[in-house]
Amino acid sequence: MAQRIRVSDIRYGHAPDRRGEHTDRWGREPIDVRRTWLGGYRVIDGNDRLYYARRRGQSHIAARVW
C-alpha cells in the first residue's frame, strides 16, 4: 500500500530506476523506499521519478515503504 511522503525527506538511492520515467511520465506509480537509521527514506526503485517530481516542484510523492 502506498503512502504520500514529503519529497524533501527522501534521498536518492544507488540503483537506477528500473521502471523509468518514460513509462510513467506523470509519476502515478509509487516509488519504493526504505527507512534510514537517522530518519528519512532512501530510494530502492524510483530515482528518476523522484528527480522529475522535484523538477516539477511537487511537495509529496506516492511511495511504498519497505
Protein backbone atom coordinates (compact mmCIF):
# COMPACT_ATOMS: atom_id res chain seq x y z
CA MET A 1 0.00 0.00 0.00
CA ALA A 2 1.42 3.36 -1.00
CA GLN A 3 1.79 6.37 1.30
CA ARG A 4 2.24 10.05 0.49
CA ILE A 5 5.74 11.07 1.63
CA ARG A 6 7.34 14.51 1.57
CA VAL A 7 9.85 14.73 -1.29
CA SER A 8 12.39 16.56 0.88
CA ASP A 9 12.54 13.56 3.27
CA ILE A 10 13.70 11.18 0.52
CA ARG A 11 17.33 10.66 -0.54
CA TYR A 12 18.39 9.15 -3.84
CA GLY A 13 19.47 5.50 -3.87
CA HIS A 14 22.36 3.87 -5.69
CA ALA A 15 20.32 1.79 -8.16
CA PRO A 16 18.90 3.25 -11.38
CA ASP A 17 15.14 3.48 -11.84
CA ARG A 18 14.02 0.05 -13.07
CA ARG A 19 10.67 1.24 -14.38
CA GLY A 20 11.89 4.57 -15.79
CA GLU A 21 10.30 7.98 -16.06
CA HIS A 22 9.25 7.50 -19.68
CA THR A 23 6.93 4.60 -18.87
CA ASP A 24 5.36 6.58 -16.01
CA ARG A 25 5.66 10.14 -17.26
CA TRP A 26 3.47 11.81 -14.61
CA GLY A 27 4.67 9.87 -11.58
CA ARG A 28 1.49 7.92 -10.90
CA GLU A 29 3.28 4.71 -9.95
CA PRO A 30 4.65 4.75 -6.39
CA ILE A 31 8.38 4.60 -5.81
CA ASP A 32 9.94 2.04 -3.45
CA VAL A 33 11.77 3.43 -0.40
CA ARG A 34 13.38 2.12 2.78
CA ARG A 35 13.59 3.89 6.13
CA THR A 36 17.07 5.04 7.18
CA TRP A 37 18.64 4.89 10.65
CA LEU A 38 18.70 8.65 11.12
CA GLY A 39 15.17 9.25 9.88
CA GLY A 40 14.00 9.91 6.38
CA TYR A 41 13.93 7.50 3.47
CA ARG A 42 16.28 6.14 0.78
CA VAL A 43 15.08 5.14 -2.68
CA ILE A 44 15.19 1.46 -3.65
CA ASP A 45 13.46 1.88 -7.03
CA GLY A 46 12.36 5.23 -8.45
CA ASN A 47 15.34 7.61 -8.63
CA ASP A 48 14.18 9.03 -11.97
CA ARG A 49 10.61 9.55 -10.79
CA LEU A 50 11.87 11.31 -7.65
CA TYR A 51 14.15 13.53 -9.75
CA TYR A 52 11.32 14.61 -12.06
CA ALA A 53 8.95 15.12 -9.12
CA ARG A 54 11.48 17.57 -7.65
CA ARG A 55 11.84 19.34 -11.01
CA ARG A 56 8.05 19.70 -11.25
CA GLY A 57 8.03 21.22 -7.76
CA GLN A 58 5.89 18.54 -6.13
CA SER A 59 5.93 18.55 -2.34
CA HIS A 60 4.77 14.93 -1.88
CA ILE A 61 5.13 11.66 -3.81
CA ALA A 62 3.48 8.24 -3.53
CA ALA A 63 5.86 5.63 -2.11
CA ARG A 64 5.83 2.06 -0.84
CA VAL A 65 7.87 1.76 2.38
CA TRP A 66 9.84 -1.49 2.89
